[in-house]
Amino acid sequence: RDVAVTGVQTCALPISDPVDTPPTAKILRPDPNTWFLADQYDPVARNWYKEVAFCGHGEDPEDGLLFWNDVRWYLARDNGPLEFVDFGSPSPFVYCIAPQRLYQNAVVPELRVEYTIQLRVVDSANQWATQEITVYVYGLY
């Protein structure tokens, strides 16, 4: 059977630039709101501390899991300014850095010290994401 086409219809579709979604940052270790007992002594600082490992990763919808140099760790003590600690260490997409010394309160050891840990990640479009957690260190000495 033959079919004849008698007309052509057109349809306008809007075309827009693709949306680049920002990455996400995820701290895996330590757990938020963890309390650590300062159980090691630093004779130079004359203070007790706890070594705490930081682990996490960054992921982006367009880039996938982000590389170690796109992962940055920051640390602040008692609401002070965040200071850069390290990039993520190369490992299979979970980036841990060397354990950090989190010190107790040297004047009144029973008082807790609040630490803010921030993981900051950046994707190939230079978009940032962060996650922050708080942990506490106290001493008995």
C-alpha atoms as a PDB file:
ATOM      1  CA  ARG A   1       0.000   0.000   0.000  1.00  0.00           C
ATOM      2  CA  ASP A   2       1.349   3.483  -0.834  1.00  0.00           C
ATOM      3  CA  VAL A   3       1.126   6.335   1.634  1.00  0.00           C
ATOM      4  CA  ALA A   4       1.353   9.917   0.511  1.00  0.00           C
ATOM      5  CA  VAL A   5       2.689  12.620   2.806  1.00  0.00           C
ATOM      6  CA  THR A   6       0.714  15.753   2.368  1.00  0.00           C
ATOM      7  CA  GLY A   7       2.249  18.068   4.960  1.00  0.00           C
ATOM      8  CA  VAL A   8       5.161  18.463   7.308  1.00  0.00           C
ATOM      9  CA  GLN A   9       4.816  19.535  10.901  1.00  0.00           C
ATOM     10  CA  THR A  10       7.626  21.177  12.811  1.00  0.00           C
ATOM     11  CA  CYS A  11       8.215  21.304  16.495  1.00  0.00           C
ATOM     12  CA  ALA A  12      10.426  23.804  18.316  1.00  0.00           C
ATOM     13  CA  LEU A  13      12.485  22.412  21.156  1.00  0.00           C
ATOM     14  CA  PRO A  14      14.263  24.788  23.478  1.00  0.00           C
ATOM     15  CA  ILE A  15      17.999  24.169  23.675  1.00  0.00           C
ATOM     16  CA  SER A  16      19.867  25.269  26.736  1.00  0.00           C
ATOM     17  CA  ASP A  17      23.385  24.909  27.988  1.00  0.00           C
ATOM     18  CA  PRO A  18      23.940  21.740  29.995  1.00  0.00           C
ATOM     19  CA  VAL A  19      23.836  22.236  33.743  1.00  0.00           C
ATOM     20  CA  ASP A  20      27.068  21.440  35.543  1.00  0.00           C
ATOM     21  CA  THR A  21      26.171  20.096  38.963  1.00  0.00           C
ATOM     22  CA  PRO A  22      28.500  20.862  41.888  1.00  0.00           C
ATOM     23  CA  PRO A  23      30.341  17.984  43.569  1.00  0.00           C
ATOM     24  CA  THR A  24      29.583  16.526  46.986  1.00  0.00           C
ATOM     25  CA  ALA A  25      32.012  16.076  49.882  1.00  0.00           C
ATOM     26  CA  LYS A  26      31.689  13.221  52.370  1.00  0.00           C
ATOM     27  CA  ILE A  27      33.681  12.794  55.591  1.00  0.00           C
ATOM     28  CA  LEU A  28      33.900   9.103  56.455  1.00  0.00           C
ATOM     29  CA  ARG A  29      36.154   9.356  59.516  1.00  0.00           C
ATOM     30  CA  PRO A  30      35.992  10.533  62.251  1.00  0.00           C
ATOM     31  CA  ASP A  31      32.324  10.387  63.086  1.00  0.00           C
ATOM     32  CA  PRO A  32      30.670  13.727  63.895  1.00  0.00           C
ATOM     33  CA  ASN A  33      30.446  14.708  67.574  1.00  0.00           C
ATOM     34  CA  THR A  34      32.976  12.078  68.693  1.00  0.00           C
ATOM     35  CA  TRP A  35      34.694  12.680  72.033  1.00  0.00           C
ATOM     36  CA  PHE A  36      38.378  11.694  72.170  1.00  0.00           C
ATOM     37  CA  LEU A  37      40.489  11.263  75.286  1.00  0.00           C
ATOM     38  CA  ALA A  38      43.936  12.832  74.875  1.00  0.00           C
ATOM     39  CA  ASP A  39      46.078   9.784  75.635  1.00  0.00           C
ATOM     40  CA  GLN A  40      49.507  10.633  74.192  1.00  0.00           C
ATOM     41  CA  TYR A  41      51.992  13.179  75.499  1.00  0.00           C
ATOM     42  CA  ASP A  42      53.979  15.691  73.436  1.00  0.00           C
ATOM     43  CA  PRO A  43      57.032  16.758  75.493  1.00  0.00           C
ATOM     44  CA  VAL A  44      57.784  19.661  73.153  1.00  0.00           C
ATOM     45  CA  ALA A  45      54.281  21.134  73.412  1.00  0.00           C
ATOM     46  CA  ARG A  46      54.037  19.923  77.036  1.00  0.00           C
ATOM     47  CA  ASN A  47      50.509  18.806  76.381  1.00  0.00           C
ATOM     48  CA  TRP A  48      48.418  15.710  75.813  1.00  0.00           C
ATOM     49  CA  TYR A  49      46.809  14.937  72.477  1.00  0.00           C
ATOM     50  CA  LYS A  50      44.880  12.330  70.498  1.00  0.00           C
ATOM     51  CA  GLU A  51      45.912  11.271  66.984  1.00  0.00           C
ATOM     52  CA  VAL A  52      42.850  11.261  64.756  1.00  0.00           C
ATOM     53  CA  ALA A  53      42.698  10.015  61.144  1.00  0.00           C
ATOM     54  CA  PHE A  54      40.682  12.003  58.604  1.00  0.00           C
ATOM     55  CA  CYS A  55      39.128  10.031  55.720  1.00  0.00           C
ATOM     56  CA  GLY A  56      36.633  11.071  53.090  1.00  0.00           C
ATOM     57  CA  HIS A  57      35.982  11.504  49.397  1.00  0.00           C
ATOM     58  CA  GLY A  58      34.478  13.797  46.804  1.00  0.00           C
ATOM     59  CA  GLU A  59      32.164  12.871  43.982  1.00  0.00           C
ATOM     60  CA  ASP A  60      30.828  14.822  41.027  1.00  0.00           C
ATOM     61  CA  PRO A  61      27.991  13.845  38.647  1.00  0.00           C
ATOM     62  CA  GLU A  62      30.062  14.829  35.605  1.00  0.00           C
ATOM     63  CA  ASP A  63      33.575  13.857  36.782  1.00  0.00           C
ATOM     64  CA  GLY A  64      32.820  10.823  38.960  1.00  0.00           C
ATOM     65  CA  LEU A  65      35.003  10.226  42.011  1.00  0.00           C
ATOM     66  CA  LEU A  66      37.422  13.104  42.416  1.00  0.00           C
ATOM     67  CA  PHE A  67      41.190  12.654  42.556  1.00  0.00           C
ATOM     68  CA  TRP A  68      43.360  13.186  45.644  1.00  0.00           C
ATOM     69  CA  ASN A  69      44.512  16.657  44.570  1.00  0.00           C
ATOM     70  CA  ASP A  70      40.866  17.803  44.348  1.00  0.00           C
ATOM     71  CA  VAL A  71      40.344  16.917  48.015  1.00  0.00           C
ATOM     72  CA  ARG A  72      41.514  19.325  50.736  1.00  0.00           C
ATOM     73  CA  TRP A  73      41.360  19.017  54.519  1.00  0.00           C
ATOM     74  CA  TYR A  74      41.055  21.956  56.931  1.00  0.00           C
ATOM     75  CA  LEU A  75      41.040  22.125  60.729  1.00  0.00           C
ATOM     76  CA  ALA A  76      40.022  24.767  63.296  1.00  0.00           C
ATOM     77  CA  ARG A  77      40.294  24.753  67.078  1.00  0.00           C
ATOM     78  CA  ASP A  78      37.650  26.320  69.341  1.00  0.00           C
ATOM     79  CA  ASN A  79      35.947  28.276  66.552  1.00  0.00           C
ATOM     80  CA  GLY A  80      39.234  29.713  65.315  1.00  0.00           C
ATOM     81  CA  PRO A  81      40.014  30.126  61.619  1.00  0.00           C
ATOM     82  CA  LEU A  82      40.135  27.049  59.412  1.00  0.00           C
ATOM     83  CA  GLU A  83      43.697  26.190  58.467  1.00  0.00           C
ATOM     84  CA  PHE A  84      44.773  23.999  55.556  1.00  0.00           C
ATOM     85  CA  VAL A  85      46.049  20.608  56.746  1.00  0.00           C
ATOM     86  CA  ASP A  86      46.680  18.488  53.647  1.00  0.00           C
ATOM     87  CA  PHE A  87      45.413  17.198  50.327  1.00  0.00           C
ATOM     88  CA  GLY A  88      43.889  13.746  50.236  1.00  0.00           C
ATOM     89  CA  SER A  89      46.492  11.005  50.089  1.00  0.00           C
ATOM     90  CA  PRO A  90      46.381   8.865  46.945  1.00  0.00           C
ATOM     91  CA  SER A  91      44.425   5.699  47.647  1.00  0.00           C
ATOM     92  CA  PRO A  92      41.538   4.082  45.785  1.00  0.00           C
ATOM     93  CA  PHE A  93      39.057   6.981  45.954  1.00  0.00           C
ATOM     94  CA  VAL A  94      38.893   7.197  49.753  1.00  0.00           C
ATOM     95  CA  TYR A  95      41.382   9.807  50.802  1.00  0.00           C
ATOM     96  CA  CYS A  96      42.890   9.550  54.250  1.00  0.00           C
ATOM     97  CA  ILE A  97      45.638  11.757  55.550  1.00  0.00           C
ATOM     98  CA  ALA A  98      48.204  11.084  58.245  1.00  0.00           C
ATOM     99  CA  PRO A  99      46.599  11.212  61.683  1.00  0.00           C
ATOM    100  CA  GLN A 100      46.460  14.729  63.088  1.00  0.00           C
ATOM    101  CA  ARG A 101      47.321  15.654  66.659  1.00  0.00           C
ATOM    102  CA  LEU A 102      44.292  17.120  68.377  1.00  0.00           C
ATOM    103  CA  TYR A 103      45.415  18.654  71.674  1.00  0.00           C
ATOM    104  CA  GLN A 104      43.517  18.924  74.929  1.00  0.00           C
ATOM    105  CA  ASN A 105      43.089  22.176  76.867  1.00  0.00           C
ATOM    106  CA  ALA A 106      46.539  22.730  78.414  1.00  0.00           C
ATOM    107  CA  VAL A 107      45.297  24.977  81.230  1.00  0.00           C
ATOM    108  CA  VAL A 108      42.212  23.027  82.356  1.00  0.00           C
ATOM    109  CA  PRO A 109      42.466  19.485  80.927  1.00  0.00           C
ATOM    110  CA  GLU A 110      38.943  18.563  82.008  1.00  0.00           C
ATOM    111  CA  LEU A 111      37.506  21.209  79.683  1.00  0.00           C
ATOM    112  CA  ARG A 112      36.846  19.962  76.216  1.00  0.00           C
ATOM    113  CA  VAL A 113      38.428  21.462  73.114  1.00  0.00           C
ATOM    114  CA  GLU A 114      36.199  21.737  70.078  1.00  0.00           C
ATOM    115  CA  TYR A 115      37.697  20.975  66.667  1.00  0.00           C
ATOM    116  CA  THR A 116      36.030  21.693  63.349  1.00  0.00           C
ATOM    117  CA  ILE A 117      37.140  19.382  60.543  1.00  0.00           C
ATOM    118  CA  GLN A 118      36.293  20.442  57.010  1.00  0.00           C
ATOM    119  CA  LEU A 119      36.573  18.463  53.797  1.00  0.00           C
ATOM    120  CA  ARG A 120      36.560  20.672  50.693  1.00  0.00           C
ATOM    121  CA  VAL A 121      36.412  19.224  47.174  1.00  0.00           C
ATOM    122  CA  VAL A 122      36.547  20.863  43.746  1.00  0.00           C
ATOM    123  CA  ASP A 123      35.444  19.519  40.351  1.00  0.00           C
ATOM    124  CA  SER A 124      36.778  20.147  36.831  1.00  0.00           C
ATOM    125  CA  ALA A 125      34.436  23.158  36.456  1.00  0.00           C
ATOM    126  CA  ASN A 126      36.011  24.679  39.605  1.00  0.00           C
ATOM    127  CA  GLN A 127      32.845  24.231  41.657  1.00  0.00           C
ATOM    128  CA  TRP A 128      33.331  23.578  45.364  1.00  0.00           C
ATOM    129  CA  ALA A 129      31.538  21.559  48.000  1.00  0.00           C
ATOM    130  CA  THR A 130      32.303  21.175  51.683  1.00  0.00           C
ATOM    131  CA  GLN A 131      31.305  19.077  54.635  1.00  0.00           C
ATOM    132  CA  GLU A 132      32.152  20.058  58.186  1.00  0.00           C
ATOM    133  CA  ILE A 133      31.974  18.066  61.374  1.00  0.00           C
ATOM    134  CA  THR A 134      32.817  18.822  64.979  1.00  0.00           C
ATOM    135  CA  VAL A 135      34.755  16.560  67.334  1.00  0.00           C
ATOM    136  CA  TYR A 136      35.934  17.105  70.907  1.00  0.00           C
ATOM    137  CA  VAL A 137      39.127  16.342  72.823  1.00  0.00           C
ATOM    138  CA  TYR A 138      39.374  16.248  76.599  1.00  0.00           C
ATOM    139  CA  GLY A 139      42.015  15.208  79.079  1.00  0.00           C
ATOM    140  CA  LEU A 140      42.266  13.774  82.547  1.00  0.00           C
ATOM    141  CA  TYR A 141      45.795  14.936  83.284  1.00  0.00           C
END
